[in-house]
Amino acid sequence: MWEALLDFFESTGLYYFFEPDGWKFFIMIVLSLVLLYLAVFKKFEPYLLIPIGFAMLLVNIPNTGMFVETIKMVDGVETTTYSGLLGYLYYGVKLGIYPPLIFLGIGATTDFGPLIANPKSMLLGAAAQIGIFLTFIGAIVLGFNGAESASIGIIGGADGPTSILLASRLAPHLLGAISLAAYSYMALVPIIQPPIIRLLTTKKERAIKMEQLRVVNPNEKILFPIVVTVLCLTFIPSSAPIIGMLMLGNLIKESNIVPGLTKMAGDSLLYIITILLGLSIGATTMGTSFLRVETLMIIGLGLFAFALATASGVLGGKIMCKLTNGKVNPMIGAAGVSAVPMAARVVHIEGQKEDPTNFLLMHAMGPNVAGVIGSAIAAGLLLMFFA
């Protein structure tokens, strides 16, 4: 009888909490509850943090078999396979399927009009990507290899799907930490960016009003995704999965002849893939592999990357302000990160604090959507060198 009870106890998840690494499961369960609290009650990126947090809970209750990673040697080559419900869903990340489909949905909901109306704002989107490459260098200095450093540096683009795609290709063992860092800092844009903006700009600069943008011709909006696709893919073919799907979604939207496809891509498909992506990310956060010194380093480097990206965008805005004799509010450079439209809203709010009649939202949307393209191009470059 006692042997039967012991066998039953050893088959439960409770038994594993008493193993040497059992405390790691407990900590991850607590962390999953924190993420769920932030998502549900504080509304921090709830669309993604809810599935991530719940998947984290599922895989850290021991012995559920929801995500099983098996490493085998086949003909002298080490291969990794996944099983369990979340393991099968994870193949969508491993094979690079989910992130491009997310970009298809993003493209179907994005208006590139502000960028077309003010092409110079592309330079501010590019300036904000400097944080990616400086963080890449920092990660190298701290001992990460090239592929790992590239995956960490892309966090500075504040683009979750791009971070996930790059990590899944270059450093899948760091996917959980990189994904959590990327989406956490995206959610914290309203907290992280304002102090940096105020530190690097003067009250006078923050109060600058910009001229109203011109009206963009519908034909320009149709040509834009085609031209961007040809130019970007010609020079950086490795950016095709991201740029291609982003521009396809936008072309579907701007063609204005397939409203059913636009609604499906920007609504149903986007939400479905977001759930699958969140579950797959959360599945990689099992305590025994997640709780490492490297995880803390990645979270710190991610914050460093995002702060640098914001600062470089603002400094780019200050240069443009000088060159245009004060016609550009330098704060819009902070929107050059890819957190659409949160970063643009932060700039608009900061401008209104200085002058309630100052409306910067549409001006900030130019660098903001340029940041989406810029981070995709940066990811393509890093893939080109390290894949």
Protein backbone atom coordinates (compact mmCIF):
# COMPACT_ATOMS: atom_id res chain seq x y z
CA MET A 1 0.00 0.00 0.00
CA TRP A 2 2.76 2.41 0.95
CA GLU A 3 4.56 1.60 -2.30
CA ALA A 4 1.38 2.38 -4.25
CA LEU A 5 1.02 5.70 -2.43
CA LEU A 6 4.68 6.49 -3.09
CA ASP A 7 4.26 5.67 -6.77
CA PHE A 8 1.22 7.93 -6.92
CA PHE A 9 3.10 10.76 -5.20
CA GLU A 10 6.05 10.42 -7.61
CA SER A 11 3.66 10.67 -10.56
CA THR A 12 2.24 13.99 -9.37
CA GLY A 13 3.69 17.39 -10.05
CA LEU A 14 4.06 17.98 -6.33
CA TYR A 15 6.90 15.44 -6.17
CA TYR A 16 9.09 17.53 -8.49
CA PHE A 17 8.88 20.57 -6.22
CA PHE A 18 11.01 18.61 -3.74
CA GLU A 19 13.72 17.87 -6.32
CA PRO A 20 16.97 19.96 -6.21
CA ASP A 21 15.68 22.27 -8.97
CA GLY A 22 12.10 22.28 -7.73
CA TRP A 23 12.35 25.84 -6.43
CA LYS A 24 12.82 27.04 -10.02
CA PHE A 25 9.36 25.77 -10.96
CA PHE A 26 7.87 27.59 -7.99
CA ILE A 27 9.55 30.89 -8.91
CA MET A 28 8.37 30.63 -12.52
CA ILE A 29 4.81 29.95 -11.38
CA VAL A 30 4.94 33.10 -9.27
CA LEU A 31 6.36 35.02 -12.24
CA SER A 32 3.57 33.71 -14.48
CA LEU A 33 1.00 34.98 -11.99
CA VAL A 34 2.72 38.39 -11.99
CA LEU A 35 2.51 38.53 -15.79
CA LEU A 36 -1.16 37.58 -15.71
CA TYR A 37 -1.80 40.28 -13.10
CA LEU A 38 -0.05 42.91 -15.23
CA ALA A 39 -1.97 41.81 -18.32
CA VAL A 40 -5.44 41.53 -16.79
CA PHE A 41 -5.47 44.25 -14.15
CA LYS A 42 -2.85 46.71 -15.46
CA LYS A 43 -3.60 46.05 -19.15
CA PHE A 44 0.09 45.72 -20.11
CA GLU A 45 0.09 44.05 -23.57
CA PRO A 46 -2.83 41.78 -22.56
CA TYR A 47 -3.24 40.23 -26.01
CA LEU A 48 0.16 38.57 -25.71
CA LEU A 49 0.96 38.51 -22.00
CA ILE A 50 -2.18 36.51 -21.14
CA PRO A 51 -1.25 33.53 -23.37
CA ILE A 52 2.45 33.87 -22.45
CA GLY A 53 1.71 33.97 -18.72
CA PHE A 54 -0.74 31.06 -18.85
CA ALA A 55 1.60 28.91 -20.97
CA MET A 56 4.36 29.70 -18.47
CA LEU A 57 2.05 28.45 -15.73
CA LEU A 58 1.25 25.26 -17.66
CA VAL A 59 4.85 24.24 -18.36
CA ASN A 60 6.08 25.00 -14.84
CA ILE A 61 3.55 22.77 -13.16
CA PRO A 62 5.79 19.68 -13.33
CA ASN A 63 4.92 16.50 -15.19
CA THR A 64 2.10 17.97 -17.31
CA GLY A 65 3.83 16.98 -20.56
CA MET A 66 2.57 20.14 -22.26
CA PHE A 67 6.01 20.94 -23.68
CA VAL A 68 8.58 18.17 -24.07
CA GLU A 69 11.94 18.82 -25.68
CA THR A 70 13.85 15.75 -26.87
CA ILE A 71 17.44 15.87 -28.10
CA LYS A 72 18.65 12.96 -30.23
CA MET A 73 21.73 12.11 -32.28
CA VAL A 74 20.78 11.20 -35.84
CA ASP A 75 23.67 10.19 -38.11
CA GLY A 76 26.06 12.05 -35.86
CA VAL A 77 23.97 15.23 -35.96
CA GLU A 78 22.18 16.53 -32.87
CA THR A 79 18.48 17.11 -33.57
CA THR A 80 15.80 18.52 -31.30
CA THR A 81 12.16 17.54 -31.51
CA TYR A 82 9.16 18.82 -29.55
CA SER A 83 6.02 17.09 -28.35
CA GLY A 84 3.05 17.84 -26.14
CA LEU A 85 0.35 20.34 -27.12
CA LEU A 86 2.56 23.41 -26.68
CA GLY A 87 5.50 21.57 -28.24
CA TYR A 88 3.58 21.03 -31.46
CA LEU A 89 2.44 24.66 -31.49
CA TYR A 90 6.06 25.73 -30.97
CA TYR A 91 6.97 24.47 -34.43
CA GLY A 92 5.24 27.58 -35.79
CA VAL A 93 7.95 29.65 -34.08
CA LYS A 94 10.81 27.26 -34.81
CA LEU A 95 9.94 27.19 -38.51
CA GLY A 96 9.48 30.98 -38.65
CA ILE A 97 5.76 30.91 -39.49
CA TYR A 98 4.02 32.93 -36.77
CA PRO A 99 6.06 36.20 -36.79
CA PRO A 100 5.64 36.88 -40.54
CA LEU A 101 1.90 36.21 -40.25
CA ILE A 102 1.78 38.72 -37.39
CA PHE A 103 3.38 41.23 -39.76
CA LEU A 104 0.75 40.44 -42.38
CA GLY A 105 -1.87 41.52 -39.84
CA ILE A 106 0.14 44.57 -38.78
CA GLY A 107 0.46 45.66 -42.40
CA ALA A 108 -3.31 45.39 -42.82
CA THR A 109 -3.84 47.79 -39.90
CA THR A 110 -1.02 50.28 -40.59
CA ASP A 111 -1.32 53.61 -42.37
CA PHE A 112 1.98 54.61 -43.97
CA GLY A 113 0.47 57.94 -45.02
CA PRO A 114 2.39 60.06 -42.46
CA LEU A 115 5.67 58.51 -43.63
CA ILE A 116 4.81 59.07 -47.32
CA ALA A 117 3.81 62.67 -46.57
CA ASN A 118 7.10 63.32 -44.76
CA PRO A 119 9.78 60.96 -46.16
CA LYS A 120 12.46 62.62 -43.99
CA SER A 121 10.93 60.88 -40.99
CA MET A 122 12.44 57.65 -42.35
CA LEU A 123 15.80 59.03 -41.16
CA LEU A 124 14.47 59.23 -37.61
CA GLY A 125 13.26 55.63 -37.82
CA ALA A 126 16.77 54.70 -38.94
CA ALA A 127 18.40 56.72 -36.15
CA ALA A 128 16.44 54.81 -33.53
CA GLN A 129 17.94 51.54 -34.79
CA ILE A 130 21.39 52.61 -33.60
CA GLY A 131 20.48 51.17 -30.20
CA ILE A 132 20.27 47.70 -31.77
CA PHE A 133 23.85 47.74 -33.01
CA LEU A 134 25.35 49.37 -29.91
CA THR A 135 23.67 46.74 -27.74
CA PHE A 136 24.97 44.06 -30.10
CA ILE A 137 28.50 45.29 -29.37
CA GLY A 138 27.74 45.40 -25.63
CA ALA A 139 26.49 41.79 -25.66
CA ILE A 140 29.67 40.70 -27.47
CA VAL A 141 31.74 42.38 -24.76
CA LEU A 142 29.76 40.53 -22.06
CA GLY A 143 30.61 37.17 -23.61
CA PHE A 144 27.66 36.31 -25.84
CA ASN A 145 28.51 34.97 -29.28
CA GLY A 146 27.60 36.80 -32.49
CA ALA A 147 24.25 35.08 -33.08
CA GLU A 148 23.18 35.52 -29.46
CA SER A 149 24.27 39.16 -29.43
CA ALA A 150 22.31 39.86 -32.62
CA SER A 151 19.18 38.32 -31.07
CA ILE A 152 19.60 40.40 -27.91
CA GLY A 153 20.36 43.64 -29.74
CA ILE A 154 17.15 43.52 -31.80
CA ILE A 155 15.18 44.08 -28.57
CA GLY A 156 16.13 47.74 -29.04
CA GLY A 157 13.83 47.89 -32.03
CA ALA A 158 10.87 47.42 -29.65
CA ASP A 159 9.36 44.97 -32.12
CA GLY A 160 8.21 41.71 -30.52
CA PRO A 161 7.60 39.59 -33.66
CA THR A 162 10.96 40.63 -35.15
CA SER A 163 12.74 39.74 -31.90
CA ILE A 164 11.02 36.36 -31.85
CA LEU A 165 11.86 35.58 -35.47
CA LEU A 166 15.51 36.51 -35.04
CA ALA A 167 15.88 34.59 -31.77
CA SER A 168 14.18 31.50 -33.21
CA ARG A 169 16.65 31.50 -36.10
CA LEU A 170 19.86 32.50 -34.30
CA ALA A 171 19.50 31.67 -30.60
CA PRO A 172 16.44 29.48 -29.87
CA HIS A 173 17.77 28.66 -26.40
CA LEU A 174 17.33 32.35 -25.50
CA LEU A 175 13.88 32.73 -27.08
CA GLY A 176 11.92 32.88 -23.83
CA ALA A 177 14.08 35.55 -22.19
CA ILE A 178 14.35 37.67 -25.36
CA SER A 179 10.60 37.48 -26.06
CA LEU A 180 9.66 38.44 -22.51
CA ALA A 181 12.14 41.33 -22.50
CA ALA A 182 10.93 42.62 -25.88
CA TYR A 183 7.25 42.60 -25.02
CA SER A 184 7.78 43.83 -21.46
CA TYR A 185 9.62 46.92 -22.68
CA MET A 186 7.03 47.49 -25.41
CA ALA A 187 4.37 47.53 -22.68
CA LEU A 188 6.48 49.91 -20.59
CA VAL A 189 6.98 52.48 -23.37
CA PRO A 190 4.84 55.12 -21.50
CA ILE A 191 7.08 54.69 -18.45
CA ILE A 192 10.54 54.35 -20.03
CA GLN A 193 10.44 56.95 -22.80
CA PRO A 194 9.21 60.19 -21.12
CA PRO A 195 12.21 60.60 -18.74
CA ILE A 196 14.64 60.06 -21.63
CA ILE A 197 12.76 62.53 -23.83
CA ARG A 198 12.72 65.20 -21.11
CA LEU A 199 16.39 64.62 -20.32
CA LEU A 200 17.51 65.18 -23.91
CA THR A 201 15.19 68.03 -24.94
CA THR A 202 14.49 71.53 -23.69
CA LYS A 203 11.08 72.92 -22.80
CA LYS A 204 11.26 75.15 -25.88
CA GLU A 205 12.01 72.18 -28.16
CA ARG A 206 9.16 70.11 -26.73
CA ALA A 207 6.73 72.96 -27.46
CA ILE A 208 7.64 73.22 -31.17
CA LYS A 209 4.58 72.99 -33.43
CA MET A 210 4.97 71.33 -36.81
CA GLU A 211 3.24 72.16 -40.08
CA GLN A 212 0.24 70.07 -41.04
CA LEU A 213 1.12 67.10 -43.25
CA ARG A 214 0.00 67.10 -46.87
CA VAL A 215 -2.81 64.84 -48.04
CA VAL A 216 -1.42 61.63 -49.53
CA ASN A 217 -2.83 60.41 -52.83
CA PRO A 218 -4.39 56.90 -52.67
CA ASN A 219 -2.19 55.79 -55.58
CA GLU A 220 0.89 56.71 -53.55
CA LYS A 221 -0.30 54.44 -50.77
CA ILE A 222 -0.76 51.58 -53.24
CA LEU A 223 2.67 52.04 -54.82
CA PHE A 224 4.47 52.42 -51.46
CA PRO A 225 4.39 48.73 -50.33
CA ILE A 226 5.42 47.57 -53.80
CA VAL A 227 8.36 49.98 -54.04
CA VAL A 228 9.53 49.24 -50.48
CA THR A 229 9.36 45.50 -51.12
CA VAL A 230 11.43 45.74 -54.30
CA LEU A 231 14.06 48.03 -52.79
CA CYS A 232 14.44 46.24 -49.44
CA LEU A 233 14.44 42.71 -50.81
CA THR A 234 16.83 43.58 -53.63
CA PHE A 235 19.49 44.79 -51.20
CA ILE A 236 18.61 42.66 -48.15
CA PRO A 237 16.90 39.45 -49.34
CA SER A 238 16.96 37.96 -45.82
CA SER A 239 14.37 40.54 -44.72
CA ALA A 240 11.81 39.00 -47.10
CA PRO A 241 9.68 37.12 -44.52
CA ILE A 242 9.07 40.28 -42.47
CA ILE A 243 9.07 43.04 -45.09
CA GLY A 244 7.22 40.87 -47.61
CA MET A 245 4.35 40.00 -45.28
CA LEU A 246 4.17 43.53 -43.82
CA MET A 247 3.88 45.09 -47.25
CA LEU A 248 1.46 42.44 -48.52
CA GLY A 249 -0.88 43.21 -45.63
CA ASN A 250 -0.58 46.93 -46.35
CA LEU A 251 -1.22 46.47 -50.07
CA ILE A 252 -4.36 44.45 -49.29
CA LYS A 253 -5.53 47.34 -47.09
CA GLU A 254 -4.67 50.20 -49.42
CA SER A 255 -6.01 48.54 -52.58
CA ASN A 256 -9.45 48.96 -50.97
CA ILE A 257 -10.99 46.27 -53.18
CA VAL A 258 -10.83 43.26 -50.82
CA PRO A 259 -12.32 44.50 -47.53
CA GLY A 260 -12.97 40.91 -46.44
CA LEU A 261 -9.26 40.07 -46.66
CA THR A 262 -8.32 43.29 -44.88
CA LYS A 263 -10.66 42.51 -42.00
CA MET A 264 -9.52 38.91 -41.81
CA ALA A 265 -5.79 39.74 -41.83
CA GLY A 266 -6.03 42.68 -39.43
CA ASP A 267 -8.59 41.10 -37.12
CA SER A 268 -9.20 37.34 -37.01
CA LEU A 269 -5.83 36.12 -38.30
CA LEU A 270 -3.87 38.61 -36.19
CA TYR A 271 -5.62 37.55 -32.98
CA ILE A 272 -5.36 33.83 -33.71
CA ILE A 273 -1.64 33.98 -34.48
CA THR A 274 -1.07 36.20 -31.43
CA ILE A 275 -2.55 33.51 -29.18
CA LEU A 276 -0.47 30.76 -30.81
CA LEU A 277 2.66 32.90 -30.64
CA GLY A 278 2.10 33.75 -26.98
CA LEU A 279 1.55 30.12 -26.02
CA SER A 280 4.70 29.08 -27.90
CA ILE A 281 6.81 31.74 -26.18
CA GLY A 282 5.50 30.86 -22.74
CA ALA A 283 6.26 27.20 -23.40
CA THR A 284 10.00 27.97 -23.58
CA THR A 285 10.14 29.42 -20.06
CA MET A 286 10.48 26.21 -18.05
CA GLY A 287 12.28 27.07 -14.82
CA THR A 288 15.13 24.58 -15.22
CA SER A 289 16.29 26.25 -18.43
CA PHE A 290 14.99 29.81 -17.97
CA LEU A 291 16.38 30.79 -14.58
CA ARG A 292 20.00 31.49 -15.44
CA VAL A 293 22.42 34.38 -15.12
CA GLU A 294 22.11 34.86 -18.89
CA THR A 295 18.41 35.63 -18.48
CA LEU A 296 19.11 38.53 -16.13
CA MET A 297 21.82 39.80 -18.48
CA ILE A 298 19.39 39.69 -21.42
CA ILE A 299 16.74 41.61 -19.49
CA GLY A 300 19.32 44.25 -18.53
CA LEU A 301 20.70 44.48 -22.07
CA GLY A 302 17.16 44.72 -23.43
CA LEU A 303 16.44 47.76 -21.27
CA PHE A 304 19.79 49.24 -22.32
CA ALA A 305 18.91 48.64 -25.99
CA PHE A 306 15.49 50.23 -25.72
CA ALA A 307 16.81 53.26 -23.84
CA LEU A 308 19.58 53.71 -26.41
CA ALA A 309 17.12 53.41 -29.29
CA THR A 310 14.92 56.10 -27.75
CA ALA A 311 17.88 58.37 -27.04
CA SER A 312 19.39 57.97 -30.52
CA GLY A 313 16.00 58.73 -32.07
CA VAL A 314 15.65 61.92 -30.01
CA LEU A 315 19.21 63.01 -30.83
CA GLY A 316 18.45 62.41 -34.50
CA GLY A 317 15.39 64.60 -34.04
CA LYS A 318 17.50 67.36 -32.50
CA ILE A 319 19.85 67.29 -35.49
CA MET A 320 16.89 67.49 -37.86
CA CYS A 321 15.46 70.34 -35.79
CA LYS A 322 18.70 72.31 -36.22
CA LEU A 323 18.92 71.58 -39.94
CA THR A 324 15.32 72.74 -40.51
CA ASN A 325 15.71 75.90 -38.38
CA GLY A 326 13.36 74.63 -35.69
CA LYS A 327 10.59 73.25 -37.89
CA VAL A 328 10.88 69.69 -36.50
CA ASN A 329 10.02 68.83 -32.92
CA PRO A 330 12.92 66.58 -31.83
CA MET A 331 10.62 64.48 -29.65
CA ILE A 332 9.19 62.73 -32.71
CA GLY A 333 12.53 60.92 -33.02
CA ALA A 334 11.62 58.92 -29.91
CA ALA A 335 8.79 57.39 -31.93
CA GLY A 336 11.37 55.85 -34.26
CA VAL A 337 11.21 52.63 -32.27
CA SER A 338 8.77 50.07 -33.61
CA ALA A 339 6.22 50.17 -30.77
CA VAL A 340 3.24 51.26 -32.89
CA PRO A 341 1.33 53.38 -31.96
CA MET A 342 2.36 53.62 -28.29
CA ALA A 343 5.59 55.51 -28.93
CA ALA A 344 3.79 58.06 -31.12
CA ARG A 345 1.17 58.57 -28.40
CA VAL A 346 3.90 59.15 -25.81
CA VAL A 347 5.40 61.91 -27.99
CA HIS A 348 1.96 63.46 -28.51
CA ILE A 349 1.24 63.46 -24.76
CA GLU A 350 4.63 65.00 -23.94
CA GLY A 351 3.98 67.74 -26.48
CA GLN A 352 0.56 68.47 -25.02
CA LYS A 353 2.05 68.81 -21.55
CA GLU A 354 4.05 71.77 -22.82
CA ASP A 355 1.26 73.20 -25.00
CA PRO A 356 -2.29 71.72 -25.05
CA THR A 357 -2.76 73.03 -28.60
CA ASN A 358 0.26 71.11 -29.93
CA PHE A 359 -0.83 68.01 -31.89
CA LEU A 360 2.13 65.79 -32.73
CA LEU A 361 0.47 62.37 -33.14
CA MET A 362 0.43 62.22 -36.95
CA HIS A 363 3.93 63.72 -37.18
CA ALA A 364 5.21 61.06 -34.75
CA MET A 365 3.48 58.28 -36.68
CA GLY A 366 5.89 58.86 -39.58
CA PRO A 367 9.01 57.83 -37.62
CA ASN A 368 6.93 55.21 -35.79
CA VAL A 369 5.97 53.26 -38.90
CA ALA A 370 9.45 53.91 -40.30
CA GLY A 371 10.75 52.16 -37.19
CA VAL A 372 8.76 49.05 -38.12
CA ILE A 373 10.52 48.96 -41.49
CA GLY A 374 13.86 49.91 -39.94
CA SER A 375 13.82 47.13 -37.35
CA ALA A 376 12.86 44.62 -40.06
CA ILE A 377 15.80 45.75 -42.18
CA ALA A 378 18.14 45.57 -39.16
CA ALA A 379 16.92 42.03 -38.48
CA GLY A 380 17.52 41.13 -42.12
CA LEU A 381 21.08 42.42 -41.92
CA LEU A 382 21.79 40.44 -38.76
CA LEU A 383 20.31 37.31 -40.32
CA MET A 384 22.46 37.84 -43.39
CA PHE A 385 25.63 37.83 -41.26
CA PHE A 386 24.82 35.25 -38.58
CA ALA A 387 22.22 32.80 -39.91
